[in-house]
Amino acid sequence: MLRFLADENFNNQIIRGILRQNPEIDIVRVQDVGLSEADDPSVLEWAAQKGRVVLTHDVTTMTNFAYERIEAGLSMPGVFEVSRRVSVGLAIEELLLIAECSLEGEWEGQVRFLPLR
């Protein structure tokens, strides 16, 4: 099962909903691991070291830094950018599906956008 790192501004309602539906999902917030106010490259580096896929709403900077890591040949376990326009329920549903049905390493070097449609 995938392991997630939610960035600092990720919607906590989504995180709580995921854990309510499946408490076995391994998801931590940057605040939980001492990365509060860390810049995006530091968050991505920590996620890479720990093998965690990043969850973000930040389409501007986080995704750009993720692409830079990929281009530089650095490890990048994956980023899911969840649109703020997606309902909390749909975001929970899609992230649960991704978490439960993905293989470890499947999202390496990829930036994906939710909703998946």
Protein backbone atom coordinates (compact mmCIF):
# COMPACT_ATOMS: atom_id res chain seq x y z
CA MET A 1 0.00 0.00 0.00
CA LEU A 2 1.19 3.52 -0.75
CA ARG A 3 2.47 5.84 1.91
CA PHE A 4 1.47 9.51 1.68
CA LEU A 5 2.82 12.85 2.85
CA ALA A 6 0.26 15.67 2.84
CA ASP A 7 1.79 19.10 2.36
CA GLU A 8 1.20 21.92 4.82
CA ASN A 9 -1.94 23.35 3.22
CA PHE A 10 -3.60 20.07 2.26
CA ASN A 11 -7.26 19.87 3.31
CA ASN A 12 -7.42 18.08 6.66
CA GLN A 13 -11.04 17.06 5.97
CA ILE A 14 -9.72 14.87 3.16
CA ILE A 15 -7.09 13.32 5.43
CA ARG A 16 -9.64 12.62 8.19
CA GLY A 17 -12.07 11.16 5.66
CA ILE A 18 -9.44 8.83 4.23
CA LEU A 19 -8.48 7.59 7.68
CA ARG A 20 -12.12 7.19 8.70
CA GLN A 21 -12.75 4.98 5.67
CA ASN A 22 -9.50 3.03 6.03
CA PRO A 23 -7.42 3.56 9.18
CA GLU A 24 -4.66 1.37 7.66
CA ILE A 25 -3.72 4.06 5.12
CA ASP A 26 -0.29 5.44 6.01
CA ILE A 27 -0.65 9.20 5.71
CA VAL A 28 1.27 11.87 7.59
CA ARG A 29 1.23 15.65 7.33
CA VAL A 30 4.37 17.75 7.03
CA GLN A 31 3.41 19.24 10.40
CA ASP A 32 3.55 15.73 11.95
CA VAL A 33 7.14 15.11 10.84
CA GLY A 34 8.75 18.43 11.71
CA LEU A 35 8.54 20.03 8.27
CA SER A 36 6.22 22.94 9.11
CA GLU A 37 7.07 25.93 6.96
CA ALA A 38 9.67 23.91 5.00
CA ASP A 39 10.08 24.89 1.37
CA ASP A 40 8.76 22.62 -1.37
CA PRO A 41 12.17 21.19 -2.39
CA SER A 42 12.78 20.15 1.24
CA VAL A 43 9.35 18.50 1.45
CA LEU A 44 10.00 16.62 -1.79
CA GLU A 45 13.44 15.54 -0.62
CA TRP A 46 12.04 14.22 2.67
CA ALA A 47 9.26 12.39 0.80
CA ALA A 48 11.82 10.83 -1.54
CA GLN A 49 13.99 9.67 1.37
CA LYS A 50 10.96 8.09 3.07
CA GLY A 51 9.30 6.74 -0.08
CA ARG A 52 6.13 8.79 0.36
CA VAL A 53 3.87 10.13 -2.37
CA VAL A 54 3.09 13.83 -1.84
CA LEU A 55 -0.48 15.11 -1.70
CA THR A 56 -0.88 18.80 -2.48
CA HIS A 57 -3.29 21.46 -3.67
CA ASP A 58 -0.34 23.56 -4.89
CA VAL A 59 -0.33 23.35 -8.67
CA THR A 60 2.04 26.30 -8.99
CA THR A 61 5.23 25.58 -7.10
CA MET A 62 5.11 22.00 -5.74
CA THR A 63 4.50 20.46 -9.15
CA ASN A 64 7.24 22.59 -10.74
CA PHE A 65 9.78 21.46 -8.14
CA ALA A 66 8.63 17.86 -8.65
CA TYR A 67 9.27 18.16 -12.40
CA GLU A 68 12.70 19.66 -11.65
CA ARG A 69 13.56 16.62 -9.49
CA ILE A 70 12.49 14.29 -12.29
CA GLU A 71 14.55 16.18 -14.88
CA ALA A 72 17.58 16.12 -12.56
CA GLY A 73 17.27 12.34 -12.22
CA LEU A 74 16.46 12.54 -8.51
CA SER A 75 14.09 10.18 -6.76
CA MET A 76 10.52 11.45 -6.69
CA PRO A 77 7.97 8.87 -5.43
CA GLY A 78 5.09 10.82 -6.96
CA VAL A 79 2.88 13.84 -6.47
CA PHE A 80 -0.89 14.02 -6.59
CA GLU A 81 -2.21 17.54 -7.05
CA VAL A 82 -5.80 17.60 -5.83
CA SER A 83 -7.79 20.45 -7.31
CA ARG A 84 -9.49 22.62 -4.70
CA ARG A 85 -12.57 22.44 -6.93
CA VAL A 86 -12.90 18.70 -6.32
CA SER A 87 -15.42 17.84 -3.62
CA VAL A 88 -14.01 16.43 -0.39
CA GLY A 89 -15.98 13.21 -0.97
CA LEU A 90 -14.60 12.66 -4.48
CA ALA A 91 -11.04 13.42 -3.34
CA ILE A 92 -11.39 10.86 -0.53
CA GLU A 93 -12.84 8.26 -2.89
CA GLU A 94 -10.10 8.68 -5.50
CA LEU A 95 -7.22 8.77 -3.01
CA LEU A 96 -8.53 5.62 -1.31
CA LEU A 97 -8.69 3.89 -4.68
CA ILE A 98 -5.14 4.99 -5.48
CA ALA A 99 -3.82 3.95 -2.06
CA GLU A 100 -5.49 0.55 -2.05
CA CYS A 101 -4.88 -0.42 -5.67
CA SER A 102 -1.40 0.91 -6.39
CA LEU A 103 1.82 -1.02 -6.21
CA GLU A 104 4.79 0.34 -4.32
CA GLY A 105 6.84 2.52 -6.65
CA GLU A 106 4.08 2.72 -9.26
CA TRP A 107 3.94 6.52 -9.18
CA GLU A 108 7.72 7.10 -9.15
CA GLY A 109 8.62 10.11 -11.27
CA GLN A 110 5.00 11.06 -11.94
CA VAL A 111 2.85 14.10 -11.23
CA ARG A 112 -0.86 13.36 -11.46
CA PHE A 113 -3.90 15.56 -11.09
CA LEU A 114 -7.20 14.74 -9.39
CA PRO A 115 -9.88 14.19 -10.35
CA LEU A 116 -8.56 11.31 -12.46
CA ARG A 117 -11.25 11.65 -15.13
